[in-house]
N, C-alpha and C. Protein backbone atom coordinates (compact mmCIF):
# COMPACT_ATOMS: atom_id res chain seq x y z
N MET A 1 8.48 -12.07 24.48
CA MET A 1 8.82 -11.69 23.28
C MET A 1 7.93 -11.99 23.04
N PRO A 2 8.13 -10.09 21.76
CA PRO A 2 6.80 -9.96 20.66
C PRO A 2 7.11 -11.24 19.86
N SER A 3 5.82 -10.96 19.29
CA SER A 3 5.31 -11.72 17.91
C SER A 3 5.15 -11.65 16.86
N MET A 4 5.45 -11.68 15.58
CA MET A 4 4.79 -11.78 14.36
C MET A 4 4.10 -13.22 13.14
N GLU A 5 3.16 -12.69 12.89
CA GLU A 5 2.82 -13.80 12.08
C GLU A 5 3.69 -13.24 10.36
N VAL A 6 4.22 -14.61 10.19
CA VAL A 6 4.61 -14.03 8.73
C VAL A 6 3.52 -14.96 7.60
N TRP A 7 2.95 -14.38 6.39
CA TRP A 7 2.14 -14.74 5.86
C TRP A 7 3.43 -14.95 4.13
N ILE A 8 3.95 -15.67 4.19
CA ILE A 8 4.16 -16.24 2.67
C ILE A 8 3.17 -17.14 1.60
N GLU A 9 3.09 -16.66 0.39
CA GLU A 9 3.34 -17.31 -0.34
C GLU A 9 4.43 -17.75 -1.51
N TYR A 10 4.75 -18.76 -1.79
CA TYR A 10 5.60 -19.09 -1.91
C TYR A 10 6.31 -18.41 -4.37
N ALA A 11 5.10 -18.37 -4.59
CA ALA A 11 4.98 -17.62 -5.80
C ALA A 11 5.22 -16.40 -6.32
N SER A 12 5.01 -15.62 -5.06
CA SER A 12 5.35 -14.37 -4.84
C SER A 12 6.76 -13.68 -4.95
N THR A 13 7.34 -12.33 -5.81
CA THR A 13 8.53 -12.06 -6.23
C THR A 13 9.09 -11.14 -4.83
N TYR A 14 7.93 -10.49 -4.26
CA TYR A 14 8.66 -9.73 -3.76
C TYR A 14 8.61 -10.42 -2.38
N SER A 15 7.92 -11.40 -1.88
CA SER A 15 8.50 -12.29 -0.73
C SER A 15 9.95 -13.13 -0.27
N TYR A 16 10.27 -12.78 -1.49
CA TYR A 16 11.64 -13.49 -1.77
C TYR A 16 12.51 -12.86 -1.22
N LEU A 17 12.15 -11.36 -1.24
CA LEU A 17 13.05 -10.24 -0.28
C LEU A 17 13.16 -10.51 0.93
N THR A 18 12.26 -10.75 1.66
CA THR A 18 11.58 -11.20 2.83
C THR A 18 12.45 -11.92 3.45
N VAL A 19 11.93 -12.70 2.50
CA VAL A 19 12.66 -14.90 2.95
C VAL A 19 14.59 -14.32 3.13
N ALA A 20 14.40 -13.15 2.83
CA ALA A 20 16.49 -13.35 2.16
C ALA A 20 16.75 -12.85 3.74
N ARG A 21 16.20 -11.58 4.29
CA ARG A 21 16.36 -11.31 5.24
C ARG A 21 15.56 -10.92 6.80
N ILE A 22 14.26 -11.88 7.29
CA ILE A 22 13.46 -11.22 7.61
C ILE A 22 14.82 -12.13 8.82
N GLY A 23 14.72 -13.66 8.56
CA GLY A 23 15.35 -14.21 10.39
C GLY A 23 15.93 -13.58 10.92
N ARG A 24 17.55 -13.10 9.94
CA ARG A 24 18.36 -12.17 10.68
C ARG A 24 17.71 -10.54 11.69
N LEU A 25 17.14 -10.29 11.14
CA LEU A 25 16.10 -8.92 11.56
C LEU A 25 15.35 -9.61 12.43
N ALA A 26 14.56 -10.45 12.74
CA ALA A 26 14.24 -11.29 14.14
C ALA A 26 15.15 -11.52 14.72
N ALA A 27 15.80 -12.20 14.55
CA ALA A 27 17.06 -12.26 15.44
C ALA A 27 17.44 -11.43 16.30
N GLN A 28 17.91 -10.67 15.19
CA GLN A 28 18.81 -9.01 16.13
C GLN A 28 17.95 -8.31 16.96
N LEU A 29 16.65 -8.15 17.00
CA LEU A 29 15.15 -7.30 17.37
C LEU A 29 15.15 -8.11 18.84
N GLY A 30 14.74 -9.83 18.12
CA GLY A 30 14.17 -10.14 19.63
C GLY A 30 12.54 -10.82 19.03
N VAL A 31 12.40 -10.32 18.22
CA VAL A 31 11.49 -10.87 17.52
C VAL A 31 10.69 -12.41 16.87
N ALA A 32 9.36 -13.04 17.57
CA ALA A 32 9.57 -14.19 17.39
C ALA A 32 8.85 -14.35 15.81
N LEU A 33 8.87 -15.03 15.19
CA LEU A 33 7.82 -15.20 13.87
C LEU A 33 7.27 -16.61 14.04
N ASP A 34 6.13 -16.10 13.10
CA ASP A 34 5.29 -17.15 13.85
C ASP A 34 4.59 -17.51 12.39
N TRP A 35 5.63 -18.87 11.47
CA TRP A 35 4.94 -18.34 9.80
C TRP A 35 3.84 -19.12 9.55
N GLN A 36 2.75 -18.48 8.63
CA GLN A 36 1.80 -18.70 8.39
C GLN A 36 2.04 -19.28 6.97
N PRO A 37 2.63 -20.22 6.21
CA PRO A 37 2.89 -20.60 4.24
C PRO A 37 1.48 -20.54 4.15
N PHE A 38 0.84 -20.34 3.06
CA PHE A 38 -0.33 -20.02 2.54
C PHE A 38 -0.74 -20.01 0.97
N PHE A 39 -1.75 -20.65 0.40
CA PHE A 39 -2.30 -20.93 -0.78
C PHE A 39 -2.94 -19.00 -1.40
N LEU A 40 -2.37 -17.96 -1.87
CA LEU A 40 -2.92 -17.11 -2.41
C LEU A 40 -4.04 -16.60 -3.76
N PRO A 41 -4.42 -17.64 -4.61
CA PRO A 41 -4.64 -17.89 -5.11
C PRO A 41 -6.06 -17.60 -4.64
N PRO A 42 -6.59 -18.69 -4.00
CA PRO A 42 -7.79 -18.71 -3.64
C PRO A 42 -8.25 -17.19 -3.03
N VAL A 43 -7.39 -17.25 -2.18
CA VAL A 43 -8.00 -15.83 -1.30
C VAL A 43 -8.00 -14.36 -2.26
N ARG A 44 -7.33 -13.70 -3.37
CA ARG A 44 -7.32 -13.28 -4.78
C ARG A 44 -9.04 -13.73 -4.98
N GLU A 45 -9.16 -14.62 -5.39
CA GLU A 45 -10.16 -14.84 -5.18
C GLU A 45 -11.38 -15.15 -4.94
N HIS A 46 -11.42 -15.17 -3.67
CA HIS A 46 -12.65 -14.66 -3.02
C HIS A 46 -12.99 -13.38 -2.79
N GLN A 47 -11.43 -12.19 -3.08
CA GLN A 47 -11.51 -11.65 -3.13
C GLN A 47 -12.49 -9.99 -4.05
N GLY A 48 -11.78 -11.30 -5.05
CA GLY A 48 -12.01 -10.81 -6.76
C GLY A 48 -11.28 -9.75 -7.63
N LEU A 49 -9.68 -10.53 -6.72
CA LEU A 49 -9.28 -10.26 -7.16
C LEU A 49 -7.95 -10.50 -8.35
N GLY A 50 -7.79 -9.76 -9.80
CA GLY A 50 -7.22 -10.67 -10.82
C GLY A 50 -5.54 -10.82 -10.25
N PHE A 51 -4.69 -11.57 -11.13
CA PHE A 51 -3.78 -12.00 -11.46
C PHE A 51 -2.70 -10.65 -10.57
N PRO A 52 -2.10 -10.65 -9.57
CA PRO A 52 -0.91 -8.96 -9.42
C PRO A 52 -0.45 -8.20 -10.87
N PHE A 53 0.27 -9.39 -12.03
CA PHE A 53 0.79 -8.72 -12.64
C PHE A 53 1.12 -9.54 -13.57
N PRO A 54 0.10 -8.99 -14.54
CA PRO A 54 -0.63 -9.87 -15.92
C PRO A 54 0.89 -9.66 -16.97
N GLU A 55 0.99 -10.83 -17.59
CA GLU A 55 1.81 -10.81 -18.43
C GLU A 55 1.94 -9.89 -19.78
N ALA A 56 3.31 -9.54 -19.36
CA ALA A 56 3.70 -8.65 -20.49
C ALA A 56 3.33 -6.98 -19.94
N SER A 57 2.50 -6.59 -19.06
CA SER A 57 2.29 -5.62 -19.07
C SER A 57 3.23 -4.05 -18.40
N ALA A 58 3.05 -3.64 -17.98
CA ALA A 58 4.18 -2.52 -17.84
C ALA A 58 4.39 -2.57 -16.38
N LYS A 59 3.49 -3.01 -15.55
CA LYS A 59 3.41 -3.13 -13.50
C LYS A 59 4.28 -4.04 -14.29
N THR A 60 4.37 -5.26 -14.97
CA THR A 60 5.36 -6.98 -14.25
C THR A 60 6.97 -6.02 -14.87
N ALA A 61 6.27 -5.45 -15.83
CA ALA A 61 8.03 -5.01 -16.25
C ALA A 61 8.55 -4.03 -15.44
N HIS A 62 7.87 -3.21 -14.83
CA HIS A 62 8.01 -2.79 -13.36
C HIS A 62 8.59 -3.59 -12.22
N MET A 63 7.92 -4.20 -12.23
CA MET A 63 7.95 -4.77 -11.16
C MET A 63 9.54 -6.03 -10.97
N TRP A 64 9.96 -6.05 -12.24
CA TRP A 64 10.98 -7.06 -12.16
C TRP A 64 12.49 -6.23 -12.08
N ARG A 65 11.80 -4.47 -13.07
CA ARG A 65 13.71 -4.12 -12.54
C ARG A 65 13.30 -3.36 -11.13
N ASP A 66 12.30 -3.48 -10.64
CA ASP A 66 12.36 -2.64 -9.00
C ASP A 66 12.79 -3.94 -8.17
N LEU A 67 12.42 -5.06 -8.25
CA LEU A 67 12.96 -6.12 -7.43
C LEU A 67 15.13 -6.01 -8.09
N GLU A 68 15.35 -6.25 -8.88
CA GLU A 68 16.67 -6.18 -9.30
C GLU A 68 17.28 -4.73 -8.29
N ARG A 69 16.73 -3.37 -8.59
CA ARG A 69 16.97 -2.61 -7.67
C ARG A 69 17.24 -2.83 -6.22
N ARG A 70 16.08 -3.02 -5.61
CA ARG A 70 15.64 -3.39 -3.86
C ARG A 70 16.53 -4.36 -3.73
N ALA A 71 16.77 -5.74 -4.42
CA ALA A 71 18.11 -6.23 -3.82
C ALA A 71 18.92 -6.26 -4.12
N ASP A 72 19.45 -5.20 -4.91
CA ASP A 72 21.04 -4.32 -5.10
C ASP A 72 21.17 -3.92 -3.61
N ARG A 73 20.23 -2.75 -3.04
CA ARG A 73 20.18 -1.33 -2.12
C ARG A 73 20.45 -2.45 -1.20
N LEU A 74 19.72 -3.79 -0.84
CA LEU A 74 19.59 -4.53 0.28
C LEU A 74 19.86 -5.77 0.77
N GLY A 75 21.33 -6.34 -0.40
CA GLY A 75 22.36 -6.44 -0.14
C GLY A 75 22.36 -7.66 -0.74
N VAL A 76 20.55 -8.28 -0.82
CA VAL A 76 20.13 -9.49 -1.44
C VAL A 76 20.90 -10.19 -2.84
N PRO A 77 21.48 -11.43 -3.31
CA PRO A 77 21.82 -11.60 -4.16
C PRO A 77 20.36 -12.13 -5.22
N TYR A 78 20.36 -12.36 -6.13
CA TYR A 78 19.47 -12.14 -6.97
C TYR A 78 19.72 -12.05 -8.37
N ARG A 79 18.92 -13.34 -8.52
CA ARG A 79 18.67 -13.88 -10.34
C ARG A 79 17.37 -14.42 -10.65
N ARG A 80 16.91 -13.12 -11.59
CA ARG A 80 15.57 -13.26 -11.99
C ARG A 80 15.26 -14.84 -12.12
N PRO A 81 14.31 -15.48 -11.98
CA PRO A 81 13.72 -16.77 -12.28
C PRO A 81 13.73 -16.59 -14.10
N SER A 82 13.47 -18.17 -14.43
CA SER A 82 13.38 -18.72 -15.95
C SER A 82 11.77 -18.93 -16.05
N THR A 83 11.24 -19.01 -15.24
CA THR A 83 10.09 -18.98 -15.15
C THR A 83 9.09 -18.13 -13.78
N TYR A 84 7.89 -17.38 -15.04
CA TYR A 84 7.30 -16.37 -13.56
C TYR A 84 5.61 -16.76 -14.85
N PRO A 85 5.32 -17.40 -13.77
CA PRO A 85 4.75 -17.62 -12.21
C PRO A 85 5.23 -18.74 -12.38
N VAL A 86 5.07 -19.61 -10.81
CA VAL A 86 5.13 -21.13 -11.08
C VAL A 86 4.36 -21.31 -9.77
N ASN A 87 3.98 -22.57 -10.19
CA ASN A 87 3.17 -23.35 -9.13
C ASN A 87 3.62 -23.42 -7.90
N SER A 88 3.00 -22.54 -7.01
CA SER A 88 3.71 -22.96 -5.61
C SER A 88 2.93 -23.68 -4.30
N LEU A 89 1.66 -24.39 -5.37
CA LEU A 89 1.27 -25.28 -4.22
C LEU A 89 2.02 -26.53 -3.62
N PRO A 90 2.87 -27.00 -4.00
CA PRO A 90 3.44 -28.03 -3.65
C PRO A 90 4.41 -27.48 -2.35
N THR A 91 5.04 -26.56 -2.36
CA THR A 91 6.01 -25.54 -1.97
C THR A 91 5.78 -25.53 -0.48
N ALA A 92 4.16 -25.17 -0.57
CA ALA A 92 3.18 -23.98 0.82
C ALA A 92 2.59 -25.40 1.56
N ARG A 93 2.55 -26.43 0.32
CA ARG A 93 1.94 -28.36 1.43
C ARG A 93 3.07 -28.37 1.92
N VAL A 94 4.40 -28.07 1.27
CA VAL A 94 5.79 -29.04 2.15
C VAL A 94 5.96 -28.05 3.86
N ALA A 95 5.76 -26.02 3.02
CA ALA A 95 5.91 -25.71 4.26
C ALA A 95 4.83 -25.34 5.31
N LEU A 96 3.91 -26.54 5.43
CA LEU A 96 2.74 -26.24 6.39
C LEU A 96 3.99 -27.59 6.93
N ALA A 97 3.46 -28.14 6.58
CA ALA A 97 4.17 -29.69 7.22
C ALA A 97 5.21 -29.41 8.10
N GLY A 98 6.12 -28.90 7.74
CA GLY A 98 7.13 -27.74 8.15
C GLY A 98 7.18 -27.57 9.06
N LYS A 99 5.59 -26.60 9.04
CA LYS A 99 5.25 -25.61 10.87
C LYS A 99 4.79 -26.28 11.56
N GLN A 100 4.18 -27.62 11.18
CA GLN A 100 4.52 -28.65 12.48
C GLN A 100 6.03 -29.65 13.21
N ASP A 101 6.70 -29.15 12.41
CA ASP A 101 8.18 -29.70 13.01
C ASP A 101 8.76 -28.73 13.41
N GLY A 102 9.05 -27.32 13.31
CA GLY A 102 9.83 -26.52 13.51
C GLY A 102 10.46 -26.17 12.59
N TRP A 103 9.76 -26.43 11.10
CA TRP A 103 11.53 -26.35 10.32
C TRP A 103 11.12 -25.41 8.82
N CYS A 104 10.22 -24.86 8.78
CA CYS A 104 9.03 -23.98 7.80
C CYS A 104 10.62 -22.82 7.82
N GLN A 105 10.71 -22.17 8.72
CA GLN A 105 11.26 -21.24 8.80
C GLN A 105 12.76 -21.25 7.27
N ARG A 106 13.60 -22.32 8.04
CA ARG A 106 14.71 -23.36 7.41
C ARG A 106 14.17 -23.69 5.72
N PHE A 107 13.57 -24.50 5.75
CA PHE A 107 12.88 -24.86 4.50
C PHE A 107 12.58 -23.65 3.48
N THR A 108 12.05 -22.15 3.99
CA THR A 108 11.73 -21.43 3.37
C THR A 108 12.86 -20.20 2.60
N GLU A 109 13.28 -20.23 3.98
CA GLU A 109 14.75 -19.97 2.84
C GLU A 109 16.14 -20.55 1.87
N GLU A 110 15.82 -21.30 1.75
CA GLU A 110 16.34 -22.24 0.79
C GLU A 110 15.87 -22.84 0.09
N ALA A 111 14.42 -22.50 -0.26
CA ALA A 111 13.29 -22.93 -1.21
C ALA A 111 14.07 -21.99 -1.98
N PHE A 112 13.19 -20.24 -1.42
CA PHE A 112 13.68 -19.24 -2.49
C PHE A 112 15.01 -19.35 -2.74
N ARG A 113 16.11 -19.20 -2.01
CA ARG A 113 17.70 -19.05 -2.04
C ARG A 113 17.46 -20.10 -3.68
N LEU A 114 17.21 -20.96 -3.56
CA LEU A 114 17.69 -22.03 -4.78
C LEU A 114 16.53 -21.49 -6.13
N HIS A 115 15.11 -20.82 -5.96
CA HIS A 115 15.00 -20.35 -6.74
C HIS A 115 14.75 -18.95 -7.02
N TRP A 116 15.97 -18.35 -6.61
CA TRP A 116 16.26 -16.76 -6.62
C TRP A 116 17.49 -16.19 -7.36
N THR A 117 18.73 -17.96 -6.34
CA THR A 117 19.90 -17.33 -7.06
C THR A 117 20.43 -18.73 -7.71
N GLU A 118 20.03 -19.99 -8.11
CA GLU A 118 20.42 -21.01 -8.91
C GLU A 118 19.23 -21.70 -9.49
N GLY A 119 18.49 -20.77 -9.96
CA GLY A 119 16.96 -21.13 -11.07
C GLY A 119 16.51 -21.85 -10.94
N ARG A 120 16.61 -22.85 -9.52
CA ARG A 120 15.87 -24.16 -9.86
C ARG A 120 14.87 -23.59 -8.98
N LEU A 121 13.70 -24.11 -10.29
CA LEU A 121 12.35 -23.73 -9.86
C LEU A 121 11.28 -24.10 -8.20
N ILE A 122 10.90 -22.94 -7.84
CA ILE A 122 9.57 -23.47 -6.79
C ILE A 122 8.59 -24.36 -7.32
N GLY A 123 8.56 -25.27 -6.54
CA GLY A 123 7.13 -26.18 -6.82
C GLY A 123 7.59 -27.35 -7.89
N THR A 124 9.46 -27.04 -8.02
CA THR A 124 9.20 -28.62 -8.58
C THR A 124 9.98 -29.13 -8.08
N ASP A 125 10.43 -30.44 -8.48
CA ASP A 125 10.85 -31.94 -7.03
C ASP A 125 12.36 -31.70 -7.29
N ASP A 126 13.37 -30.84 -8.38
CA ASP A 126 14.39 -30.42 -7.97
C ASP A 126 14.23 -29.38 -6.54
N ASN A 127 13.95 -28.47 -6.77
CA ASN A 127 13.69 -27.54 -5.20
C ASN A 127 13.62 -28.12 -4.30
N LEU A 128 12.56 -29.45 -4.66
CA LEU A 128 11.97 -29.62 -3.24
C LEU A 128 12.98 -31.01 -2.31
N LYS A 129 13.11 -31.30 -3.57
CA LYS A 129 14.62 -33.06 -2.99
C LYS A 129 15.50 -32.37 -2.66
N GLU A 130 16.24 -31.13 -3.29
CA GLU A 130 17.40 -31.24 -2.25
C GLU A 130 17.26 -30.05 -1.41
N VAL A 131 16.05 -29.15 -1.19
CA VAL A 131 15.98 -28.28 0.22
C VAL A 131 15.91 -29.48 1.33
N LEU A 132 14.97 -30.18 1.15
CA LEU A 132 14.84 -31.34 2.07
C LEU A 132 16.30 -32.19 2.41
N GLY A 133 16.75 -32.52 1.36
CA GLY A 133 18.04 -33.02 1.96
C GLY A 133 18.94 -32.16 2.51
N THR A 134 18.91 -31.57 1.86
CA THR A 134 20.06 -30.30 3.10
C THR A 134 19.06 -30.30 3.90
N LEU A 135 18.46 -29.89 4.70
CA LEU A 135 17.22 -29.77 5.97
C LEU A 135 17.92 -31.20 7.04
N GLY A 136 19.00 -32.55 5.52
CA GLY A 136 18.67 -33.53 6.45
C GLY A 136 17.08 -34.36 6.66
N LEU A 137 16.04 -34.31 5.88
CA LEU A 137 14.77 -34.45 5.99
C LEU A 137 15.07 -35.63 4.92
N ASP A 138 13.96 -36.74 5.17
CA ASP A 138 14.00 -38.14 3.84
C ASP A 138 12.95 -37.49 3.62
N ALA A 139 13.14 -36.77 2.16
CA ALA A 139 12.16 -36.18 1.09
C ALA A 139 10.94 -37.31 1.06
N ALA A 140 11.09 -38.16 0.76
CA ALA A 140 9.84 -39.58 0.41
C ALA A 140 8.86 -39.15 1.37
N GLN A 141 9.54 -39.30 3.07
CA GLN A 141 8.14 -39.49 4.06
C GLN A 141 7.64 -37.61 3.79
N VAL A 142 8.26 -36.60 3.51
CA VAL A 142 8.24 -35.00 4.07
C VAL A 142 6.75 -34.76 2.75
N LEU A 143 7.39 -35.53 1.59
CA LEU A 143 6.25 -35.12 0.52
C LEU A 143 4.76 -36.48 1.24
N GLN A 144 4.94 -37.46 1.52
CA GLN A 144 3.97 -38.07 1.63
C GLN A 144 2.98 -37.12 2.71
N ILE A 145 3.82 -37.13 4.05
CA ILE A 145 3.05 -35.88 4.78
C ILE A 145 2.78 -35.07 4.02
N ALA A 146 3.59 -34.13 3.36
CA ALA A 146 3.18 -32.70 2.72
C ALA A 146 1.50 -33.05 1.79
N ASN A 147 1.32 -34.52 0.88
CA ASN A 147 0.10 -34.15 0.13
C ASN A 147 -0.51 -35.58 1.19
N SER A 148 -0.39 -35.06 2.28
CA SER A 148 -1.85 -36.07 3.09
C SER A 148 -3.13 -35.54 2.68
N PRO A 149 -4.35 -36.17 2.72
CA PRO A 149 -5.25 -35.28 3.08
C PRO A 149 -5.65 -34.11 3.82
N GLY A 150 -5.18 -34.56 5.41
CA GLY A 150 -5.08 -34.07 6.76
C GLY A 150 -4.18 -32.85 6.52
N ASN A 151 -3.28 -32.78 6.13
CA ASN A 151 -2.54 -31.58 5.96
C ASN A 151 -2.97 -30.51 4.41
N LYS A 152 -3.59 -31.19 2.89
CA LYS A 152 -3.98 -30.89 2.14
C LYS A 152 -5.30 -29.89 2.80
N GLU A 153 -5.95 -30.57 4.14
CA GLU A 153 -6.63 -29.62 4.51
C GLU A 153 -6.92 -28.74 5.17
N ALA A 154 -5.51 -28.80 5.75
CA ALA A 154 -4.72 -27.43 6.62
C ALA A 154 -4.59 -25.84 5.88
N LEU A 155 -4.11 -26.49 4.83
CA LEU A 155 -3.86 -25.46 3.75
C LEU A 155 -4.89 -24.68 3.30
N LYS A 156 -6.04 -25.50 3.00
CA LYS A 156 -7.16 -24.83 2.39
C LYS A 156 -7.66 -23.61 4.23
N ALA A 157 -7.58 -24.51 4.99
CA ALA A 157 -7.57 -23.82 6.13
C ALA A 157 -7.03 -22.49 6.18
N GLN A 158 -5.92 -22.12 5.27
CA GLN A 158 -5.51 -21.01 5.90
C GLN A 158 -5.87 -19.62 4.86
N THR A 159 -6.51 -20.64 4.18
CA THR A 159 -7.84 -19.32 2.95
C THR A 159 -8.43 -18.75 4.33
N PRO A 160 -9.56 -18.87 4.06
CA PRO A 160 -10.51 -18.40 5.70
C PRO A 160 -9.15 -17.36 6.58
N ARG A 161 -8.69 -17.97 6.62
CA ARG A 161 -8.25 -17.68 8.08
C ARG A 161 -6.84 -16.09 7.75
N ALA A 162 -6.42 -16.33 6.54
CA ALA A 162 -5.68 -15.02 6.34
C ALA A 162 -7.16 -14.40 5.28
N ILE A 163 -8.11 -14.41 4.93
CA ILE A 163 -9.24 -13.57 4.73
C ILE A 163 -9.89 -13.32 5.92
N GLU A 164 -9.67 -13.81 7.41
CA GLU A 164 -10.02 -13.27 8.29
C GLU A 164 -9.07 -12.09 8.61
N ARG A 165 -7.82 -12.23 8.62
CA ARG A 165 -7.19 -10.52 8.97
C ARG A 165 -7.28 -9.76 7.72
N GLY A 166 -7.66 -9.76 6.87
CA GLY A 166 -7.89 -8.79 5.59
C GLY A 166 -6.57 -9.10 4.92
N ILE A 167 -5.83 -10.35 4.53
CA ILE A 167 -4.54 -10.07 3.65
C ILE A 167 -4.72 -10.88 2.29
N PHE A 168 -4.74 -9.98 1.87
CA PHE A 168 -4.63 -9.69 0.45
C PHE A 168 -3.57 -9.73 -0.52
N GLY A 169 -2.26 -10.13 0.06
CA GLY A 169 -0.65 -10.06 -0.76
C GLY A 169 -0.09 -10.54 -0.01
N ALA A 170 1.04 -10.84 -0.82
CA ALA A 170 1.76 -11.80 -0.05
C ALA A 170 3.36 -11.05 -0.68
N PRO A 171 4.47 -10.78 0.48
CA PRO A 171 3.74 -10.58 2.14
C PRO A 171 3.85 -10.28 2.99
N SER A 172 2.83 -10.64 4.04
CA SER A 172 1.75 -10.05 4.59
C SER A 172 2.85 -10.66 5.89
N PHE A 173 2.78 -9.32 7.32
CA PHE A 173 2.64 -9.57 8.76
C PHE A 173 1.68 -9.13 9.38
N VAL A 174 1.36 -9.73 10.61
CA VAL A 174 0.31 -9.99 11.29
C VAL A 174 0.83 -9.12 12.69
N VAL A 175 0.69 -7.91 13.15
CA VAL A 175 1.17 -7.77 15.03
C VAL A 175 -0.08 -7.63 15.38
N GLY A 176 -0.47 -8.78 15.99
CA GLY A 176 -2.09 -8.48 17.42
C GLY A 176 -3.28 -7.85 16.22
N ASN A 177 -3.67 -6.84 16.16
CA ASN A 177 -4.14 -6.80 14.31
C ASN A 177 -3.83 -6.18 13.86
N GLU A 178 -3.12 -5.49 13.37
CA GLU A 178 -2.46 -4.67 12.66
C GLU A 178 -1.51 -5.68 11.42
N LEU A 179 -2.64 -4.84 9.97
CA LEU A 179 -1.89 -5.43 8.88
C LEU A 179 -0.74 -4.65 8.37
N PHE A 180 0.50 -5.30 7.89
CA PHE A 180 1.32 -5.07 7.40
C PHE A 180 1.55 -5.90 6.17
N TRP A 181 1.23 -5.08 5.02
CA TRP A 181 1.72 -5.21 3.98
C TRP A 181 3.14 -4.66 2.05
N GLY A 182 3.77 -6.55 2.88
CA GLY A 182 4.37 -6.26 1.57
C GLY A 182 6.02 -5.82 2.00
N ASP A 183 7.44 -6.37 1.45
CA ASP A 183 8.56 -6.61 1.84
C ASP A 183 8.69 -4.84 2.11
N ASP A 184 7.90 -3.79 1.44
CA ASP A 184 8.71 -2.18 1.95
C ASP A 184 8.04 -2.01 3.38
N ARG A 185 7.26 -2.96 4.16
CA ARG A 185 6.78 -2.65 5.51
C ARG A 185 7.18 -3.70 6.37
N LEU A 186 8.23 -4.29 5.90
CA LEU A 186 8.38 -5.33 6.75
C LEU A 186 9.21 -4.40 8.18
N GLU A 187 10.23 -3.64 7.75
CA GLU A 187 10.72 -3.25 9.07
C GLU A 187 9.51 -2.34 9.96
N ASP A 188 8.75 -1.73 8.87
CA ASP A 188 7.11 -1.01 9.88
C ASP A 188 6.87 -2.07 11.05
N ALA A 189 6.83 -3.31 10.63
CA ALA A 189 5.81 -4.15 11.23
C ALA A 189 6.78 -4.39 12.49
N PHE A 190 8.34 -5.06 11.84
CA PHE A 190 8.56 -4.95 13.22
C PHE A 190 9.00 -3.79 14.47
N ASP A 191 8.66 -2.45 13.54
CA ASP A 191 9.02 -1.59 15.04
C ASP A 191 7.02 -2.15 15.43
N TRP A 192 6.49 -1.71 14.86
CA TRP A 192 5.20 -2.32 15.61
C TRP A 192 5.29 -2.94 16.90
N ALA A 193 6.07 -4.01 16.32
CA ALA A 193 5.72 -5.50 17.05
C ALA A 193 6.70 -5.22 18.11
N LEU A 194 7.97 -4.07 18.76
CA LEU A 194 8.78 -3.87 19.36
C LEU A 194 7.57 -2.84 20.22
N THR A 195 7.06 -1.70 19.81
CA THR A 195 6.34 -1.02 20.79
C THR A 195 5.29 -1.26 21.14
N HIS A 196 4.53 -2.40 20.37
CA HIS A 196 2.84 -2.19 20.46
C HIS A 196 2.69 -4.37 20.80
N GLY A 197 3.86 -5.17 21.07
CA GLY A 197 3.79 -6.33 21.16
C GLY A 197 4.36 -7.14 22.72
């Protein structure tokens, strides 16, 4: 079965559009997803890149309208969150713990859904505990694992791995040695996995 790495930053706006549909597409196409939660700021800092969407800029205003248009075209539920950016670090830690135990995808889908449709912000206890409860997990136990020194170090280790793969933004998809960046390249990544994987 062909496979694809999925590099997700939980504060990334366009990652929502990917997360909302990638599971269904992967199942339809027969492509295995290798979820790679990571924290993007240290990657961008290493590469000398600034914040991708500066506050009150024309680029940021365009992003919000573009997200709204793309969500409508893709049939993805959308409600602009009340806060941007958010602190995605706690969510990335939990997601990485979930990767080890096989529930990263379900966690990611629900965390993004709550954030982008119900206004329950990623990175908050409200979002995290609700998602973990929905998955039938003990929130206190999972959060303890997520905040353990070993898991924190594992998340930090994702930074050099991302840099090695040439990743500079999210969502990013890696198939073999090929990098695809952005939600609008998701279908290209699937095509590559099916023809070269």
